[in-house]
Amino acid sequence: MRIAVIGAGAAGCFSAIELGRRLPDASISVYEAGKVPLAKVAITGGGRCNLTNSFAGIDNLTKAYPRGERLMKRALSAFSHEDVWKWFEKEGVRLVLQDDNCVFPKSQDAMQIVRTLTGLLRRLDVPIFTGKKVVSLLPGFRIGFADGTQAEADMVIVTTGGAKAFPFLEALGLEIVPPVPSLFTFNIDSPIKELMGTVVEKASASIPGTAFKAAGPLLVTDWGMSGPAILKLSSYAARYLSENGYKATIAVNWLNRTSTEAREMLDGYAAGNPRKQLSSVHPDELPSRLWDHILAQAGLDAGKKWAETGRKGLNRLAEVLTGDIYSMTGKGRFKDEFVTCGGVALSEINMSTMESRKHPGLYFAGEVLDIDAITGGFNLQAAWSTGYVAAVSAATAAGISAAGLR
């Protein structure tokens, strides 16, 4: 039995390991277009590798997976975040759970994950062929490479990431949801960029007139805004922002509170500090420079006393604190998008097995599918879960085929 795994990322390597364990007599090969396997894993989580998430507070999978939540519900039932924890700890990787529910190796070193996976592949005698960019995949599973060589397989698991995967799938007649970037930062045209490096831990951001909203830490950068709140918002609104040319109105709630709550807080400041200047009294969670910027956004003089602000002034300040408006002029200036939304339409596969409905023996896992998630380890969890299901399904089918031949 010849099985080809296309793509040596998280899903591909994980699938190949599970295949190797279940089918020790099969000929399993992993083909990778890049120079090294697991390149994204090596840099994810700032080089620390956010393996998964505890899913605490995720009462609906759409909060973590804006696209693909139905498939992920099935995949997680087969291989959950708890299974990921057990799997890696069994291989000697100690894990830690952070306060933000993200799970990292205790070593805080992504290369430990890379070495663990590649080491297992070596022990299972599963080779990784790098520099093998797939340019065609024909029915019957003849694989064509950019260097002119070919390979044949009885089964194929496709795990390539992003838009690079889709050209070689064209001959198979699959529906592809057009890929667009997800998890990106926002370019903002505003003097707030002068406050680069400022972090607000409990903010939220939204797109007025839509249901898109996300909360979490927000970082001001020299090009605009970043941080989990913005990255999550970019994920939720990925296709909307693409359709609008990455130009949109962004509303920032600096306190992640209601306007009524903000007004009550300001009334308290005014009552307790009538002779003090506006700039000298502000919420502890907002740095002084950002507070001065917010006062300017509300049209208030930072030197004015609280007793002189008046009802209208306090109302304006409450409005800005909970709905500070900015113009997004584009997305972050990174050449390669870390995550894309779009891919092989989920209607094309059996969600219980990850197998193609049109081409038996062809499986998909990871980012090649129309699944993507917010930041926080959820995308890697999707890679582990779908990779596991694809491998188990392929191994089961291969065993049945072998039994039939006997």
Protein backbone atom coordinates (compact mmCIF):
# COMPACT_ATOMS: atom_id res chain seq x y z
CA MET A 1 0.00 0.00 0.00
CA ARG A 2 1.51 3.31 -1.15
CA ILE A 3 0.26 6.37 0.72
CA ALA A 4 1.35 9.91 -0.13
CA VAL A 5 0.96 12.79 2.30
CA ILE A 6 1.22 16.13 0.52
CA GLY A 7 2.44 18.83 2.88
CA ALA A 8 4.80 18.50 5.86
CA GLY A 9 3.06 20.92 8.16
CA ALA A 10 1.32 20.09 11.42
CA ALA A 11 -1.57 18.16 9.85
CA GLY A 12 0.66 16.33 7.37
CA CYS A 13 3.29 15.17 9.83
CA PHE A 14 0.68 14.21 12.40
CA SER A 15 -1.24 12.20 9.79
CA ALA A 16 1.93 10.46 8.64
CA ILE A 17 2.83 9.46 12.21
CA GLU A 18 -0.61 8.00 12.85
CA LEU A 19 -0.50 6.18 9.51
CA GLY A 20 2.95 4.79 10.28
CA ARG A 21 1.77 3.41 13.61
CA ARG A 22 -1.33 1.80 12.17
CA LEU A 23 0.15 0.55 8.89
CA PRO A 24 3.74 -0.53 9.62
CA ASP A 25 3.96 -2.44 6.32
CA ALA A 26 2.72 0.42 4.13
CA SER A 27 4.99 2.65 2.06
CA ILE A 28 4.26 6.15 3.39
CA SER A 29 5.93 9.24 1.90
CA VAL A 30 5.56 12.90 2.86
CA TYR A 31 6.15 15.53 0.17
CA GLU A 32 6.94 19.13 1.13
CA ALA A 33 7.38 22.07 -1.25
CA GLY A 34 9.58 24.02 1.17
CA LYS A 35 13.11 23.45 2.33
CA VAL A 36 12.19 22.25 5.83
CA PRO A 37 9.20 20.50 7.38
CA LEU A 38 6.98 22.14 10.00
CA ALA A 39 8.19 25.66 9.18
CA LYS A 40 5.03 27.33 10.49
CA VAL A 41 5.02 25.25 13.65
CA ALA A 42 8.57 26.45 14.37
CA ILE A 43 7.45 30.09 14.48
CA THR A 44 3.90 29.88 15.79
CA GLY A 45 3.17 31.44 19.15
CA GLY A 46 6.21 33.68 18.85
CA GLY A 47 8.47 30.65 18.57
CA ARG A 48 6.88 29.01 21.63
CA CYS A 49 4.19 27.00 19.76
CA ASN A 50 0.66 27.48 21.02
CA LEU A 51 -0.32 23.82 20.61
CA THR A 52 -3.98 24.03 21.54
CA ASN A 53 -6.44 25.69 23.91
CA SER A 54 -8.42 24.57 26.97
CA PHE A 55 -11.62 25.75 25.21
CA ALA A 56 -12.74 27.31 28.51
CA GLY A 57 -15.40 29.90 27.75
CA ILE A 58 -16.03 28.51 24.26
CA ASP A 59 -19.70 27.59 24.68
CA ASN A 60 -20.24 27.63 20.92
CA LEU A 61 -17.59 26.46 18.45
CA THR A 62 -18.37 29.36 16.11
CA LYS A 63 -16.57 31.58 18.63
CA ALA A 64 -13.35 29.68 17.91
CA TYR A 65 -14.03 28.53 14.33
CA PRO A 66 -15.83 31.17 12.25
CA ARG A 67 -15.77 28.68 9.38
CA GLY A 68 -15.94 24.91 9.74
CA GLU A 69 -17.49 24.57 13.18
CA ARG A 70 -19.70 21.62 12.15
CA LEU A 71 -16.75 19.62 10.91
CA MET A 72 -14.68 20.58 13.94
CA LYS A 73 -17.40 19.35 16.28
CA ARG A 74 -17.02 15.89 14.74
CA ALA A 75 -13.23 16.05 14.57
CA LEU A 76 -12.94 17.13 18.21
CA SER A 77 -15.18 14.27 19.29
CA ALA A 78 -12.62 11.93 17.70
CA PHE A 79 -9.48 13.75 18.88
CA SER A 80 -9.99 16.56 21.37
CA HIS A 81 -7.74 19.16 22.99
CA GLU A 82 -7.44 16.77 25.93
CA ASP A 83 -6.27 14.05 23.54
CA VAL A 84 -3.65 16.43 22.15
CA TRP A 85 -2.37 17.06 25.68
CA LYS A 86 -2.13 13.34 26.41
CA TRP A 87 -0.55 12.57 23.03
CA PHE A 88 2.32 15.05 23.39
CA GLU A 89 2.96 14.32 27.07
CA LYS A 90 3.16 10.60 26.21
CA GLU A 91 5.93 11.56 23.78
CA GLY A 92 7.82 13.38 26.54
CA VAL A 93 6.62 16.93 25.88
CA ARG A 94 5.50 18.55 29.13
CA LEU A 95 2.74 21.10 28.58
CA VAL A 96 1.51 24.13 30.54
CA LEU A 97 -1.83 25.92 30.55
CA GLN A 98 -1.65 29.72 30.65
CA ASP A 99 -4.16 32.05 32.27
CA ASP A 100 -5.48 32.94 28.79
CA ASN A 101 -6.33 29.23 28.20
CA CYS A 102 -3.54 28.75 25.67
CA VAL A 103 -1.44 25.59 25.91
CA PHE A 104 2.33 25.68 25.32
CA PRO A 105 5.21 23.26 25.82
CA LYS A 106 6.74 23.83 29.25
CA SER A 107 10.07 24.45 27.50
CA GLN A 108 8.48 27.43 25.68
CA ASP A 109 10.37 26.18 22.61
CA ALA A 110 8.50 25.38 19.39
CA MET A 111 11.49 23.41 18.15
CA GLN A 112 10.75 20.80 20.80
CA ILE A 113 7.49 20.10 18.96
CA VAL A 114 9.29 20.02 15.61
CA ARG A 115 11.93 17.63 16.92
CA THR A 116 9.29 15.39 18.50
CA LEU A 117 7.30 15.02 15.29
CA THR A 118 10.26 14.62 12.94
CA GLY A 119 11.91 12.19 15.36
CA LEU A 120 8.80 10.01 15.38
CA LEU A 121 8.70 10.00 11.58
CA ARG A 122 12.32 8.85 11.45
CA ARG A 123 11.66 6.06 13.94
CA LEU A 124 8.65 4.94 11.90
CA ASP A 125 10.77 5.01 8.73
CA VAL A 126 8.49 7.57 7.07
CA PRO A 127 10.60 9.82 4.80
CA ILE A 128 9.98 13.52 4.20
CA PHE A 129 10.97 14.68 0.72
CA THR A 130 11.55 18.45 0.80
CA GLY A 131 11.71 20.71 -2.24
CA LYS A 132 8.96 18.62 -3.86
CA LYS A 133 6.32 21.10 -4.95
CA VAL A 134 3.25 19.33 -6.25
CA VAL A 135 1.90 20.84 -9.47
CA SER A 136 -0.63 18.20 -10.46
CA LEU A 137 -2.71 15.45 -8.89
CA LEU A 138 -4.63 13.31 -11.36
CA PRO A 139 -7.40 10.80 -10.75
CA GLY A 140 -5.78 7.46 -10.00
CA PHE A 141 -3.33 9.44 -7.89
CA ARG A 142 -0.47 10.23 -10.19
CA ILE A 143 1.42 13.10 -8.56
CA GLY A 144 3.43 15.55 -10.65
CA PHE A 145 6.20 17.69 -9.16
CA ALA A 146 7.65 21.01 -10.26
CA ASP A 147 11.03 19.38 -10.92
CA GLY A 148 9.46 17.16 -13.59
CA THR A 149 9.38 13.95 -11.55
CA GLN A 150 6.29 11.94 -10.72
CA ALA A 151 5.06 9.55 -8.08
CA GLU A 152 2.09 7.24 -7.80
CA ALA A 153 0.02 6.35 -4.76
CA ASP A 154 -2.91 4.17 -3.78
CA MET A 155 -4.08 6.77 -1.26
CA VAL A 156 -3.35 10.47 -0.81
CA ILE A 157 -3.81 12.83 2.14
CA VAL A 158 -3.60 16.50 1.12
CA THR A 159 -2.59 18.82 3.96
CA THR A 160 -1.03 21.78 2.17
CA GLY A 161 -1.78 25.24 3.53
CA GLY A 162 -3.35 28.30 2.02
CA ALA A 163 -3.88 29.20 -1.62
CA LYS A 164 -0.76 27.29 -2.71
CA ALA A 165 -2.69 24.03 -2.40
CA PHE A 166 -5.46 24.69 -4.83
CA PRO A 167 -3.94 24.87 -8.35
CA PHE A 168 -2.87 21.22 -8.33
CA LEU A 169 -6.37 20.14 -7.26
CA GLU A 170 -8.03 21.64 -10.34
CA ALA A 171 -8.05 18.41 -12.36
CA LEU A 172 -10.11 16.68 -9.68
CA GLY A 173 -13.17 18.87 -10.19
CA LEU A 174 -13.51 19.87 -6.55
CA GLU A 175 -15.38 22.94 -5.35
CA ILE A 176 -12.89 25.39 -3.88
CA VAL A 177 -14.03 28.27 -1.68
CA PRO A 178 -11.80 31.18 -2.81
CA PRO A 179 -9.08 31.73 -0.19
CA VAL A 180 -8.66 35.11 1.50
CA PRO A 181 -6.38 36.16 4.38
CA SER A 182 -7.41 35.71 7.99
CA LEU A 183 -5.65 36.70 11.24
CA PHE A 184 -4.07 39.96 10.15
CA THR A 185 -3.45 43.37 11.70
CA PHE A 186 -5.14 46.62 10.67
CA ASN A 187 -3.58 49.64 9.02
CA ILE A 188 -5.16 52.71 10.65
CA ASP A 189 -4.94 56.29 9.43
CA SER A 190 -4.79 58.17 12.74
CA PRO A 191 -2.37 60.02 15.04
CA ILE A 192 -2.88 57.14 17.47
CA LYS A 193 0.04 55.46 15.68
CA GLU A 194 2.30 57.84 17.62
CA LEU A 195 1.36 55.77 20.70
CA MET A 196 2.89 52.59 19.22
CA GLY A 197 3.65 50.00 21.86
CA THR A 198 0.62 50.93 23.97
CA VAL A 199 -1.35 47.89 25.15
CA VAL A 200 -4.85 47.82 26.62
CA GLU A 201 -5.53 44.42 28.16
CA LYS A 202 -9.34 44.45 28.17
CA ALA A 203 -10.59 46.18 25.06
CA SER A 204 -12.94 45.20 22.26
CA ALA A 205 -13.23 46.13 18.61
CA SER A 206 -16.12 45.94 16.18
CA ILE A 207 -17.26 46.94 12.71
CA PRO A 208 -20.32 49.22 13.02
CA GLY A 209 -23.34 48.03 11.06
CA THR A 210 -22.26 44.40 11.28
CA ALA A 211 -22.29 41.67 13.93
CA PHE A 212 -18.49 41.38 13.88
CA LYS A 213 -17.00 42.02 17.32
CA ALA A 214 -14.06 40.67 19.32
CA ALA A 215 -12.59 41.32 22.76
CA GLY A 216 -9.14 40.94 24.28
CA PRO A 217 -5.82 42.76 24.51
CA LEU A 218 -5.33 45.49 21.89
CA LEU A 219 -1.91 46.73 20.79
CA VAL A 220 -1.22 50.07 19.08
CA THR A 221 1.48 49.72 16.41
CA ASP A 222 3.36 52.07 14.14
CA TRP A 223 1.00 51.10 11.31
CA GLY A 224 -2.25 50.84 13.26
CA MET A 225 -3.63 48.15 15.55
CA SER A 226 -2.86 44.54 16.46
CA GLY A 227 -3.25 42.18 19.39
CA PRO A 228 -5.76 39.38 20.04
CA ALA A 229 -8.82 41.65 19.82
CA ILE A 230 -7.86 42.80 16.31
CA LEU A 231 -6.67 39.39 15.14
CA LYS A 232 -9.91 37.77 16.26
CA LEU A 233 -11.93 40.51 14.56
CA SER A 234 -9.95 39.95 11.35
CA SER A 235 -10.83 36.26 11.53
CA TYR A 236 -14.54 36.79 12.12
CA ALA A 237 -14.74 39.42 9.36
CA ALA A 238 -12.14 37.94 6.97
CA ARG A 239 -14.39 37.60 3.94
CA TYR A 240 -16.28 40.84 4.64
CA LEU A 241 -13.04 42.81 4.83
CA SER A 242 -11.73 41.18 1.66
CA GLU A 243 -14.90 42.06 -0.22
CA ASN A 244 -14.53 45.67 0.95
CA GLY A 245 -10.90 46.03 -0.09
CA TYR A 246 -9.71 46.05 3.54
CA LYS A 247 -11.31 49.43 4.07
CA ALA A 248 -13.77 49.70 6.93
CA THR A 249 -14.82 51.70 9.96
CA ILE A 250 -13.49 50.23 13.19
CA ALA A 251 -15.00 51.06 16.58
CA VAL A 252 -12.80 50.50 19.63
CA ASN A 253 -14.28 50.10 23.08
CA TRP A 254 -11.27 50.85 25.27
CA LEU A 255 -12.94 49.53 28.42
CA ASN A 256 -15.10 46.77 26.93
CA ARG A 257 -17.99 48.18 28.95
CA THR A 258 -21.35 49.67 28.05
CA SER A 259 -21.70 53.42 27.55
CA THR A 260 -23.92 53.53 30.66
CA GLU A 261 -21.19 51.90 32.76
CA ALA A 262 -18.61 54.29 31.32
CA ARG A 263 -20.79 57.31 32.11
CA GLU A 264 -21.30 56.13 35.70
CA MET A 265 -17.53 55.79 36.07
CA LEU A 266 -16.97 59.31 34.70
CA ASP A 267 -19.64 60.76 36.99
CA GLY A 268 -17.74 59.23 39.89
CA TYR A 269 -14.49 60.84 38.74
CA ALA A 270 -16.20 64.23 38.39
CA ALA A 271 -17.84 64.02 41.81
CA GLY A 272 -14.68 62.90 43.58
CA ASN A 273 -12.17 65.12 41.78
CA PRO A 274 -13.95 68.36 40.82
CA ARG A 275 -10.83 70.58 40.98
CA LYS A 276 -8.46 68.19 39.27
CA GLN A 277 -7.62 68.32 35.57
CA LEU A 278 -9.11 65.74 33.21
CA SER A 279 -5.65 64.45 32.32
CA SER A 280 -4.78 63.63 35.94
CA VAL A 281 -7.64 61.22 36.66
CA HIS A 282 -8.33 58.24 34.40
CA PRO A 283 -9.04 54.49 34.47
CA ASP A 284 -6.06 52.49 35.71
CA GLU A 285 -6.18 50.23 32.66
CA LEU A 286 -5.59 53.13 30.25
CA PRO A 287 -2.05 54.61 29.99
CA SER A 288 -1.79 58.37 30.42
CA ARG A 289 -0.78 59.04 26.80
CA LEU A 290 -3.72 57.04 25.50
CA TRP A 291 -6.06 58.85 27.91
CA ASP A 292 -4.87 62.21 26.54
CA HIS A 293 -5.53 60.90 23.01
CA ILE A 294 -9.05 59.82 24.01
CA LEU A 295 -9.72 63.26 25.52
CA ALA A 296 -8.65 64.83 22.23
CA GLN A 297 -10.92 62.43 20.31
CA ALA A 298 -13.78 63.68 22.49
CA GLY A 299 -12.85 67.30 21.82
CA LEU A 300 -11.93 67.98 25.45
CA ASP A 301 -9.02 70.04 26.75
CA ALA A 302 -6.81 67.84 28.94
CA GLY A 303 -6.20 70.87 31.20
CA LYS A 304 -9.90 71.43 31.90
CA LYS A 305 -11.12 70.62 35.40
CA TRP A 306 -13.61 67.81 35.95
CA ALA A 307 -16.15 70.21 37.49
CA GLU A 308 -16.04 72.30 34.30
CA THR A 309 -16.66 69.46 31.87
CA GLY A 310 -20.45 69.47 32.02
CA ARG A 311 -23.00 66.85 31.09
CA LYS A 312 -22.40 67.08 27.34
CA GLY A 313 -18.66 66.79 27.78
CA LEU A 314 -18.99 63.68 29.95
CA ASN A 315 -21.42 62.15 27.46
CA ARG A 316 -18.97 62.70 24.59
CA LEU A 317 -16.15 61.20 26.61
CA ALA A 318 -18.26 58.12 27.46
CA GLU A 319 -19.11 57.71 23.77
CA VAL A 320 -15.45 57.82 22.76
CA LEU A 321 -14.38 55.44 25.52
CA THR A 322 -16.88 52.84 24.32
CA GLY A 323 -16.97 53.59 20.59
CA ASP A 324 -13.80 55.30 19.41
CA ILE A 325 -14.01 55.44 15.60
CA TYR A 326 -11.06 54.79 13.24
CA SER A 327 -10.66 54.25 9.51
CA MET A 328 -9.04 50.99 8.45
CA THR A 329 -7.07 51.64 5.27
CA GLY A 330 -5.63 48.18 4.68
CA LYS A 331 -4.35 45.02 6.31
CA GLY A 332 -0.99 44.38 7.92
CA ARG A 333 2.03 44.52 5.66
CA PHE A 334 3.12 40.90 5.87
CA LYS A 335 4.08 39.07 2.70
CA ASP A 336 2.79 35.63 3.67
CA GLU A 337 -0.54 35.32 5.43
CA PHE A 338 -0.23 33.01 8.42
CA VAL A 339 -3.80 31.73 8.06
CA THR A 340 -6.31 31.85 5.22
CA CYS A 341 -10.03 31.23 5.16
CA GLY A 342 -11.37 29.27 2.23
CA GLY A 343 -10.24 25.99 0.72
CA VAL A 344 -11.80 22.69 -0.27
CA ALA A 345 -15.53 23.07 0.34
CA LEU A 346 -16.72 20.93 3.23
CA SER A 347 -19.56 19.66 1.04
CA GLU A 348 -16.86 17.85 -0.94
CA ILE A 349 -15.83 15.58 1.93
CA ASN A 350 -17.30 13.08 4.31
CA MET A 351 -17.03 15.01 7.57
CA SER A 352 -16.68 11.83 9.59
CA THR A 353 -13.66 10.54 7.63
CA MET A 354 -12.19 13.57 5.77
CA GLU A 355 -12.43 11.52 2.58
CA SER A 356 -13.38 13.04 -0.76
CA ARG A 357 -16.90 12.20 -1.85
CA LYS A 358 -15.82 12.17 -5.51
CA HIS A 359 -12.47 10.40 -5.22
CA PRO A 360 -12.29 7.44 -2.82
CA GLY A 361 -8.85 7.17 -1.25
CA LEU A 362 -8.29 10.94 -1.31
CA TYR A 363 -8.36 12.65 2.09
CA PHE A 364 -7.92 16.21 3.30
CA ALA A 365 -6.73 17.65 6.60
CA GLY A 366 -5.67 20.99 8.03
CA GLU A 367 -5.70 24.36 6.34
CA VAL A 368 -6.45 23.02 2.85
CA LEU A 369 -10.04 22.62 4.07
CA ASP A 370 -12.44 25.54 4.42
CA ILE A 371 -11.75 25.70 8.16
CA ASP A 372 -9.98 28.44 10.07
CA ALA A 373 -9.95 29.72 13.60
CA ILE A 374 -9.18 32.69 15.79
CA THR A 375 -5.82 33.06 17.48
CA GLY A 376 -5.10 31.02 20.61
CA GLY A 377 -4.07 27.53 19.47
CA PHE A 378 -7.34 26.69 17.73
CA ASN A 379 -5.82 26.43 14.25
CA LEU A 380 -3.21 23.92 15.37
CA GLN A 381 -5.93 21.97 17.16
CA ALA A 382 -7.77 21.78 13.83
CA ALA A 383 -4.60 20.43 12.23
CA TRP A 384 -4.14 17.73 14.89
CA SER A 385 -7.82 16.72 14.92
CA THR A 386 -8.43 16.59 11.17
CA GLY A 387 -5.02 15.02 10.57
CA TYR A 388 -5.82 12.31 13.09
CA VAL A 389 -9.25 11.57 11.59
CA ALA A 390 -7.86 11.45 8.03
CA ALA A 391 -5.08 9.07 9.07
CA VAL A 392 -7.32 6.74 11.05
CA SER A 393 -9.88 6.68 8.23
CA ALA A 394 -7.23 6.00 5.58
CA ALA A 395 -5.60 3.30 7.72
CA THR A 396 -8.96 1.62 8.27
CA ALA A 397 -9.74 1.68 4.55
CA ALA A 398 -6.28 0.37 3.72
CA GLY A 399 -6.71 -2.50 6.17
CA ILE A 400 -10.04 -3.44 4.61
CA SER A 401 -8.49 -3.32 1.14
CA ALA A 402 -5.58 -5.52 2.23
CA ALA A 403 -7.94 -8.02 3.79
CA GLY A 404 -9.93 -8.14 0.57
CA LEU A 405 -6.79 -8.87 -1.46
CA ARG A 406 -5.90 -11.75 0.84
